[in-house]
Amino acid sequence: FYFKKHKRNSYISTSYRRIMITVKIQKEQFNPQKILKNAEKDKKYGALVSFIGSVREETNGGKVKKLFIEHYKNMAEKIIYKTALNAEKKWNLDYCYIIHRYGTLKAGESIVMVITCSKHRKEAYAANQYIIDWLKINAPFWKKEIFENKSKWVEQTL
């Protein structure tokens, strides 16, 4: 087992294959089309699945003006990376890219993007859903919905 960690990317090699896991946590907006285009450059994948989560414009509390996301950076990076590793082992991924934002976001802005690639679609879909579900309840991100006249912290649920 070989592991080489770069600033934001990790490469994992076993005796028969090499995969790349990228985890990013940032305040700035990201460009999903650009990220997807980069992921599609390598044609060895049979399947690529992407998920983008965005700030809802309305919830049960009413019309959302903004969403404030607080996080514990070091722990979040470790949990997200470990989640990607677990998905890679379970579904034999070839590539995994996860980006999550923090700070104050406007309604409609992207919060998170998960890309999973594998030789077959079932594995790519299952791994993607596993990652986003796991992050939704286990990653140390806390969300506060800000409405016109009130605000409330969001409970972490699936």
C-alpha atoms as a PDB file:
ATOM      1  CA  PHE A   1       0.000   0.000   0.000  1.00  0.00           C
ATOM      2  CA  TYR A   2       1.457   3.335  -1.062  1.00  0.00           C
ATOM      3  CA  PHE A   3       0.189   6.736   0.007  1.00  0.00           C
ATOM      4  CA  LYS A   4       1.427  10.117  -1.140  1.00  0.00           C
ATOM      5  CA  LYS A   5      -0.277  13.227   0.151  1.00  0.00           C
ATOM      6  CA  HIS A   6      -0.101  16.519  -1.685  1.00  0.00           C
ATOM      7  CA  LYS A   7      -1.445  19.862  -0.535  1.00  0.00           C
ATOM      8  CA  ARG A   8      -5.023  19.071  -1.565  1.00  0.00           C
ATOM      9  CA  ASN A   9      -4.859  15.834  -3.502  1.00  0.00           C
ATOM     10  CA  SER A  10      -4.078  12.344  -2.387  1.00  0.00           C
ATOM     11  CA  TYR A  11      -2.975   9.528  -4.583  1.00  0.00           C
ATOM     12  CA  ILE A  12      -3.548   5.983  -3.445  1.00  0.00           C
ATOM     13  CA  SER A  13      -1.904   3.063  -5.123  1.00  0.00           C
ATOM     14  CA  THR A  14      -2.313  -0.603  -4.575  1.00  0.00           C
ATOM     15  CA  SER A  15      -0.310  -3.258  -6.351  1.00  0.00           C
ATOM     16  CA  TYR A  16      -2.688  -3.161  -9.316  1.00  0.00           C
ATOM     17  CA  ARG A  17      -4.136   0.346  -9.652  1.00  0.00           C
ATOM     18  CA  ARG A  18      -3.893   3.985  -8.716  1.00  0.00           C
ATOM     19  CA  ILE A  19      -6.750   6.318  -7.777  1.00  0.00           C
ATOM     20  CA  MET A  20      -6.929   9.990  -6.936  1.00  0.00           C
ATOM     21  CA  ILE A  21      -8.954  11.503  -4.118  1.00  0.00           C
ATOM     22  CA  THR A  22      -9.298  15.277  -3.942  1.00  0.00           C
ATOM     23  CA  VAL A  23     -10.878  17.038  -0.963  1.00  0.00           C
ATOM     24  CA  LYS A  24     -11.329  20.808  -0.896  1.00  0.00           C
ATOM     25  CA  ILE A  25     -12.993  23.025   1.685  1.00  0.00           C
ATOM     26  CA  GLN A  26     -13.210  26.655   0.698  1.00  0.00           C
ATOM     27  CA  LYS A  27     -15.115  29.895   1.155  1.00  0.00           C
ATOM     28  CA  GLU A  28     -15.126  30.873  -2.527  1.00  0.00           C
ATOM     29  CA  GLN A  29     -17.684  29.759  -5.081  1.00  0.00           C
ATOM     30  CA  PHE A  30     -16.637  26.907  -7.345  1.00  0.00           C
ATOM     31  CA  ASN A  31     -17.369  26.229 -10.997  1.00  0.00           C
ATOM     32  CA  PRO A  32     -19.075  22.810 -11.330  1.00  0.00           C
ATOM     33  CA  GLN A  33     -18.661  22.747 -15.126  1.00  0.00           C
ATOM     34  CA  LYS A  34     -14.912  23.319 -14.873  1.00  0.00           C
ATOM     35  CA  ILE A  35     -14.543  20.654 -12.165  1.00  0.00           C
ATOM     36  CA  LEU A  36     -16.579  18.186 -14.219  1.00  0.00           C
ATOM     37  CA  LYS A  37     -14.575  18.921 -17.363  1.00  0.00           C
ATOM     38  CA  ASN A  38     -11.339  18.202 -15.478  1.00  0.00           C
ATOM     39  CA  ALA A  39     -12.758  14.930 -14.153  1.00  0.00           C
ATOM     40  CA  GLU A  40     -13.794  13.863 -17.660  1.00  0.00           C
ATOM     41  CA  LYS A  41     -10.265  14.262 -19.068  1.00  0.00           C
ATOM     42  CA  ASP A  42      -9.307  10.745 -18.050  1.00  0.00           C
ATOM     43  CA  LYS A  43     -11.244   8.364 -20.283  1.00  0.00           C
ATOM     44  CA  LYS A  44     -10.465   5.196 -18.326  1.00  0.00           C
ATOM     45  CA  TYR A  45     -13.711   5.489 -16.354  1.00  0.00           C
ATOM     46  CA  GLY A  46     -16.787   3.658 -17.517  1.00  0.00           C
ATOM     47  CA  ALA A  47     -18.991   5.808 -15.294  1.00  0.00           C
ATOM     48  CA  LEU A  48     -18.837   9.279 -13.793  1.00  0.00           C
ATOM     49  CA  VAL A  49     -21.510  10.422 -11.328  1.00  0.00           C
ATOM     50  CA  SER A  50     -21.744  13.959  -9.985  1.00  0.00           C
ATOM     51  CA  PHE A  51     -23.869  15.486  -7.260  1.00  0.00           C
ATOM     52  CA  ILE A  52     -24.241  19.197  -6.536  1.00  0.00           C
ATOM     53  CA  GLY A  53     -25.990  20.435  -3.401  1.00  0.00           C
ATOM     54  CA  SER A  54     -27.223  24.037  -3.370  1.00  0.00           C
ATOM     55  CA  VAL A  55     -28.737  26.520  -0.927  1.00  0.00           C
ATOM     56  CA  ARG A  56     -32.518  26.141  -1.041  1.00  0.00           C
ATOM     57  CA  GLU A  57     -34.548  29.249  -1.758  1.00  0.00           C
ATOM     58  CA  GLU A  58     -37.315  28.105   0.595  1.00  0.00           C
ATOM     59  CA  THR A  59     -37.618  25.774   3.572  1.00  0.00           C
ATOM     60  CA  ASN A  60     -40.331  25.098   6.129  1.00  0.00           C
ATOM     61  CA  GLY A  61     -39.177  28.268   7.867  1.00  0.00           C
ATOM     62  CA  GLY A  62     -39.918  30.412   4.811  1.00  0.00           C
ATOM     63  CA  LYS A  63     -37.893  32.179   2.142  1.00  0.00           C
ATOM     64  CA  VAL A  64     -34.137  31.808   2.758  1.00  0.00           C
ATOM     65  CA  LYS A  65     -32.041  34.933   2.224  1.00  0.00           C
ATOM     66  CA  LYS A  66     -28.694  33.363   3.129  1.00  0.00           C
ATOM     67  CA  LEU A  67     -27.156  30.247   4.591  1.00  0.00           C
ATOM     68  CA  PHE A  68     -24.280  30.533   7.016  1.00  0.00           C
ATOM     69  CA  ILE A  69     -22.031  27.447   7.182  1.00  0.00           C
ATOM     70  CA  GLU A  70     -19.578  27.030  10.019  1.00  0.00           C
ATOM     71  CA  HIS A  71     -17.067  24.190  10.119  1.00  0.00           C
ATOM     72  CA  TYR A  72     -14.145  22.621  11.936  1.00  0.00           C
ATOM     73  CA  LYS A  73     -11.617  22.580   9.071  1.00  0.00           C
ATOM     74  CA  ASN A  74      -9.034  20.003  10.156  1.00  0.00           C
ATOM     75  CA  MET A  75     -11.616  17.516  11.350  1.00  0.00           C
ATOM     76  CA  ALA A  76     -13.817  18.093   8.290  1.00  0.00           C
ATOM     77  CA  GLU A  77     -10.934  17.380   5.913  1.00  0.00           C
ATOM     78  CA  LYS A  78     -10.056  14.180   7.777  1.00  0.00           C
ATOM     79  CA  ILE A  79     -13.653  12.937   7.909  1.00  0.00           C
ATOM     80  CA  ILE A  80     -14.315  13.712   4.252  1.00  0.00           C
ATOM     81  CA  TYR A  81     -11.068  12.061   3.176  1.00  0.00           C
ATOM     82  CA  LYS A  82     -11.746   8.973   5.313  1.00  0.00           C
ATOM     83  CA  THR A  83     -15.272   8.771   3.870  1.00  0.00           C
ATOM     84  CA  ALA A  84     -13.845   8.849   0.336  1.00  0.00           C
ATOM     85  CA  LEU A  85     -11.358   6.107   1.250  1.00  0.00           C
ATOM     86  CA  ASN A  86     -14.166   3.942   2.629  1.00  0.00           C
ATOM     87  CA  ALA A  87     -16.167   4.463  -0.566  1.00  0.00           C
ATOM     88  CA  GLU A  88     -13.128   3.601  -2.687  1.00  0.00           C
ATOM     89  CA  LYS A  89     -12.631   0.335  -0.825  1.00  0.00           C
ATOM     90  CA  LYS A  90     -16.297  -0.652  -0.918  1.00  0.00           C
ATOM     91  CA  TRP A  91     -17.059   0.306  -4.551  1.00  0.00           C
ATOM     92  CA  ASN A  92     -13.649   0.128  -6.210  1.00  0.00           C
ATOM     93  CA  LEU A  93     -13.523   3.783  -7.289  1.00  0.00           C
ATOM     94  CA  ASP A  94     -10.964   5.102  -9.734  1.00  0.00           C
ATOM     95  CA  TYR A  95     -11.456   8.783  -8.918  1.00  0.00           C
ATOM     96  CA  CYS A  96     -13.185  10.844  -6.249  1.00  0.00           C
ATOM     97  CA  TYR A  97     -13.502  14.625  -5.974  1.00  0.00           C
ATOM     98  CA  ILE A  98     -15.253  16.381  -3.088  1.00  0.00           C
ATOM     99  CA  ILE A  99     -15.554  20.133  -2.589  1.00  0.00           C
ATOM    100  CA  HIS A 100     -17.517  21.799   0.227  1.00  0.00           C
ATOM    101  CA  ARG A 101     -17.995  25.486   0.959  1.00  0.00           C
ATOM    102  CA  TYR A 102     -18.281  27.420   4.204  1.00  0.00           C
ATOM    103  CA  GLY A 103     -19.138  31.009   5.086  1.00  0.00           C
ATOM    104  CA  THR A 104     -22.215  32.983   4.043  1.00  0.00           C
ATOM    105  CA  LEU A 105     -23.898  31.743   0.861  1.00  0.00           C
ATOM    106  CA  LYS A 106     -26.847  33.165  -1.045  1.00  0.00           C
ATOM    107  CA  ALA A 107     -29.904  31.154  -2.054  1.00  0.00           C
ATOM    108  CA  GLY A 108     -29.168  29.154  -5.195  1.00  0.00           C
ATOM    109  CA  GLU A 109     -25.385  28.994  -4.689  1.00  0.00           C
ATOM    110  CA  SER A 110     -23.629  25.620  -4.725  1.00  0.00           C
ATOM    111  CA  ILE A 111     -22.542  24.250  -1.344  1.00  0.00           C
ATOM    112  CA  VAL A 112     -21.046  20.863  -2.155  1.00  0.00           C
ATOM    113  CA  MET A 113     -20.031  18.784  -5.159  1.00  0.00           C
ATOM    114  CA  VAL A 114     -19.142  15.093  -5.162  1.00  0.00           C
ATOM    115  CA  ILE A 115     -17.783  13.277  -8.202  1.00  0.00           C
ATOM    116  CA  THR A 116     -17.209   9.544  -8.196  1.00  0.00           C
ATOM    117  CA  CYS A 117     -15.795   7.517 -11.081  1.00  0.00           C
ATOM    118  CA  SER A 118     -15.541   3.783 -11.545  1.00  0.00           C
ATOM    119  CA  LYS A 119     -15.649   1.198 -14.259  1.00  0.00           C
ATOM    120  CA  HIS A 120     -19.403   0.624 -13.757  1.00  0.00           C
ATOM    121  CA  ARG A 121     -22.355   2.958 -13.071  1.00  0.00           C
ATOM    122  CA  LYS A 122     -23.816   1.051 -10.106  1.00  0.00           C
ATOM    123  CA  GLU A 123     -20.600   1.459  -8.138  1.00  0.00           C
ATOM    124  CA  ALA A 124     -20.229   5.136  -9.080  1.00  0.00           C
ATOM    125  CA  TYR A 125     -23.842   5.895  -8.055  1.00  0.00           C
ATOM    126  CA  ALA A 126     -23.662   3.931  -4.814  1.00  0.00           C
ATOM    127  CA  ALA A 127     -20.353   5.518  -3.790  1.00  0.00           C
ATOM    128  CA  ASN A 128     -21.617   9.017  -4.567  1.00  0.00           C
ATOM    129  CA  GLN A 129     -24.771   8.551  -2.502  1.00  0.00           C
ATOM    130  CA  TYR A 130     -22.792   7.003   0.348  1.00  0.00           C
ATOM    131  CA  ILE A 131     -20.387   9.954   0.429  1.00  0.00           C
ATOM    132  CA  ILE A 132     -23.030  12.690   0.371  1.00  0.00           C
ATOM    133  CA  ASP A 133     -25.234  10.883   2.918  1.00  0.00           C
ATOM    134  CA  TRP A 134     -22.270  10.317   5.222  1.00  0.00           C
ATOM    135  CA  LEU A 135     -21.158  13.958   4.959  1.00  0.00           C
ATOM    136  CA  LYS A 136     -24.680  15.219   5.579  1.00  0.00           C
ATOM    137  CA  ILE A 137     -24.796  13.676   9.057  1.00  0.00           C
ATOM    138  CA  ASN A 138     -21.153  13.158  10.092  1.00  0.00           C
ATOM    139  CA  ALA A 139     -18.989  15.975   8.748  1.00  0.00           C
ATOM    140  CA  PRO A 140     -18.484  18.892  11.165  1.00  0.00           C
ATOM    141  CA  PHE A 141     -20.412  21.526   9.204  1.00  0.00           C
ATOM    142  CA  TRP A 142     -23.160  23.502  10.899  1.00  0.00           C
ATOM    143  CA  LYS A 143     -25.736  25.421   8.867  1.00  0.00           C
ATOM    144  CA  LYS A 144     -27.763  28.424   9.930  1.00  0.00           C
ATOM    145  CA  GLU A 145     -30.639  29.519   7.696  1.00  0.00           C
ATOM    146  CA  ILE A 146     -31.122  33.272   7.625  1.00  0.00           C
ATOM    147  CA  PHE A 147     -34.617  34.543   6.796  1.00  0.00           C
ATOM    148  CA  GLU A 148     -35.992  38.077   6.551  1.00  0.00           C
ATOM    149  CA  ASN A 149     -36.838  38.414  10.267  1.00  0.00           C
ATOM    150  CA  LYS A 150     -35.244  35.382  11.934  1.00  0.00           C
ATOM    151  CA  SER A 151     -32.592  32.695  11.704  1.00  0.00           C
ATOM    152  CA  LYS A 152     -32.323  29.078  12.817  1.00  0.00           C
ATOM    153  CA  TRP A 153     -29.687  26.361  12.984  1.00  0.00           C
ATOM    154  CA  VAL A 154     -30.412  23.384  10.725  1.00  0.00           C
ATOM    155  CA  GLU A 155     -30.491  19.898  12.195  1.00  0.00           C
ATOM    156  CA  GLN A 156     -28.131  17.461  10.464  1.00  0.00           C
ATOM    157  CA  THR A 157     -30.324  14.818   8.865  1.00  0.00           C
ATOM    158  CA  LEU A 158     -30.455  12.788   5.688  1.00  0.00           C
END
